[in-house]
Amino acid sequence: MNIRLWVLPAVMAGCVVLTGCSSPTVVTLQNGTQYITKDAPKTKTKDGFYEFEDISGKTIRVRADEVATVKPKD
C-alpha cells in the first residue's frame, strides 16, 4: 500500500520535470522568415550553421549570417 502512495507523486514529478526541459524558441532570419523550434537551437557549428528542429519535426540548417534573432517564444 505504501508503494502506491509513493509512485503517483513520483510519476507526476517526472512529468513536470520533462515538461520544463523544452523551451520553444523563435528563430527569425534576415529575410523575415520565422521558425518555431521545439528546443533552443544548437549554437553556431564549426562550419558556420545553426541547426534546429522545427515544431513539425523537420531538421533545419541555416547559415549563421542569415539569422537575425533567436528568442524564447512568448
C-alpha atoms as a PDB file:
ATOM      1  CA  MET A   1       0.000   0.000   0.000  1.00  0.00           C
ATOM      2  CA  ASN A   2       2.854   2.418   0.753  1.00  0.00           C
ATOM      3  CA  ILE A   3       4.322   1.866  -2.715  1.00  0.00           C
ATOM      4  CA  ARG A   4       1.103   3.030  -4.394  1.00  0.00           C
ATOM      5  CA  LEU A   5       1.142   6.230  -2.383  1.00  0.00           C
ATOM      6  CA  TRP A   6       4.738   6.862  -3.428  1.00  0.00           C
ATOM      7  CA  VAL A   7       4.520   6.001  -7.159  1.00  0.00           C
ATOM      8  CA  LEU A   8       1.872   8.549  -8.196  1.00  0.00           C
ATOM      9  CA  PRO A   9       3.725  11.608  -6.834  1.00  0.00           C
ATOM     10  CA  ALA A  10       6.976  10.321  -8.367  1.00  0.00           C
ATOM     11  CA  VAL A  11       5.370   9.915 -11.806  1.00  0.00           C
ATOM     12  CA  MET A  12       3.783  13.368 -11.589  1.00  0.00           C
ATOM     13  CA  ALA A  13       7.096  14.947 -10.589  1.00  0.00           C
ATOM     14  CA  GLY A  14       8.813  13.242 -13.524  1.00  0.00           C
ATOM     15  CA  CYS A  15       6.236  14.630 -15.948  1.00  0.00           C
ATOM     16  CA  VAL A  16       6.703  18.139 -14.591  1.00  0.00           C
ATOM     17  CA  VAL A  17      10.480  17.888 -14.957  1.00  0.00           C
ATOM     18  CA  LEU A  18      10.251  16.639 -18.553  1.00  0.00           C
ATOM     19  CA  THR A  19       7.789  19.373 -19.481  1.00  0.00           C
ATOM     20  CA  GLY A  20      10.132  22.029 -18.137  1.00  0.00           C
ATOM     21  CA  CYS A  21      13.022  20.823 -20.309  1.00  0.00           C
ATOM     22  CA  SER A  22      11.658  22.008 -23.632  1.00  0.00           C
ATOM     23  CA  SER A  23      11.860  25.686 -24.382  1.00  0.00           C
ATOM     24  CA  PRO A  24      10.151  26.664 -27.649  1.00  0.00           C
ATOM     25  CA  THR A  25      12.178  29.287 -29.474  1.00  0.00           C
ATOM     26  CA  VAL A  26      11.530  31.582 -32.432  1.00  0.00           C
ATOM     27  CA  VAL A  27      14.387  31.860 -34.933  1.00  0.00           C
ATOM     28  CA  THR A  28      13.988  34.866 -37.233  1.00  0.00           C
ATOM     29  CA  LEU A  29      16.056  35.149 -40.408  1.00  0.00           C
ATOM     30  CA  GLN A  30      17.270  38.333 -42.072  1.00  0.00           C
ATOM     31  CA  ASN A  31      14.587  37.963 -44.773  1.00  0.00           C
ATOM     32  CA  GLY A  32      11.779  37.825 -42.162  1.00  0.00           C
ATOM     33  CA  THR A  33      11.199  34.062 -42.227  1.00  0.00           C
ATOM     34  CA  GLN A  34      10.423  32.699 -38.774  1.00  0.00           C
ATOM     35  CA  TYR A  35      10.853  29.167 -37.495  1.00  0.00           C
ATOM     36  CA  ILE A  36       9.351  27.947 -34.228  1.00  0.00           C
ATOM     37  CA  THR A  37      11.566  25.276 -32.703  1.00  0.00           C
ATOM     38  CA  LYS A  38      10.861  22.593 -30.124  1.00  0.00           C
ATOM     39  CA  ASP A  39      14.025  23.444 -28.172  1.00  0.00           C
ATOM     40  CA  ALA A  40      16.671  26.133 -28.260  1.00  0.00           C
ATOM     41  CA  PRO A  41      18.798  25.667 -31.400  1.00  0.00           C
ATOM     42  CA  LYS A  42      22.353  24.462 -31.243  1.00  0.00           C
ATOM     43  CA  THR A  43      24.693  27.403 -31.360  1.00  0.00           C
ATOM     44  CA  LYS A  44      26.781  28.009 -34.400  1.00  0.00           C
ATOM     45  CA  THR A  45      28.553  24.852 -35.566  1.00  0.00           C
ATOM     46  CA  LYS A  46      32.149  24.663 -36.762  1.00  0.00           C
ATOM     47  CA  ASP A  47      31.027  25.126 -40.348  1.00  0.00           C
ATOM     48  CA  GLY A  48      29.062  28.312 -39.525  1.00  0.00           C
ATOM     49  CA  PHE A  49      25.487  26.977 -39.391  1.00  0.00           C
ATOM     50  CA  TYR A  50      22.693  26.945 -36.839  1.00  0.00           C
ATOM     51  CA  GLU A  51      20.922  23.596 -36.666  1.00  0.00           C
ATOM     52  CA  PHE A  52      17.498  23.029 -35.106  1.00  0.00           C
ATOM     53  CA  GLU A  53      14.299  21.026 -35.393  1.00  0.00           C
ATOM     54  CA  ASP A  54      11.092  22.925 -36.111  1.00  0.00           C
ATOM     55  CA  ILE A  55       7.761  22.049 -34.495  1.00  0.00           C
ATOM     56  CA  SER A  56       6.838  19.731 -37.369  1.00  0.00           C
ATOM     57  CA  GLY A  57       9.992  17.662 -36.747  1.00  0.00           C
ATOM     58  CA  LYS A  58      11.933  18.862 -39.781  1.00  0.00           C
ATOM     59  CA  THR A  59      15.672  19.471 -39.264  1.00  0.00           C
ATOM     60  CA  ILE A  60      16.699  22.942 -40.438  1.00  0.00           C
ATOM     61  CA  ARG A  61      20.253  24.187 -41.096  1.00  0.00           C
ATOM     62  CA  VAL A  62      20.717  27.907 -41.632  1.00  0.00           C
ATOM     63  CA  ARG A  63      23.909  29.891 -42.183  1.00  0.00           C
ATOM     64  CA  ALA A  64      24.697  31.925 -39.080  1.00  0.00           C
ATOM     65  CA  ASP A  65      24.888  35.186 -41.023  1.00  0.00           C
ATOM     66  CA  GLU A  66      21.264  34.686 -42.179  1.00  0.00           C
ATOM     67  CA  VAL A  67      19.943  34.561 -38.576  1.00  0.00           C
ATOM     68  CA  ALA A  68      18.641  37.876 -37.236  1.00  0.00           C
ATOM     69  CA  THR A  69      17.355  36.816 -33.789  1.00  0.00           C
ATOM     70  CA  VAL A  70      16.880  33.772 -31.586  1.00  0.00           C
ATOM     71  CA  LYS A  71      14.307  34.447 -28.858  1.00  0.00           C
ATOM     72  CA  PRO A  72      12.224  32.327 -26.472  1.00  0.00           C
ATOM     73  CA  LYS A  73       8.634  32.015 -27.670  1.00  0.00           C
ATOM     74  CA  ASP A  74       6.248  34.185 -25.655  1.00  0.00           C
END
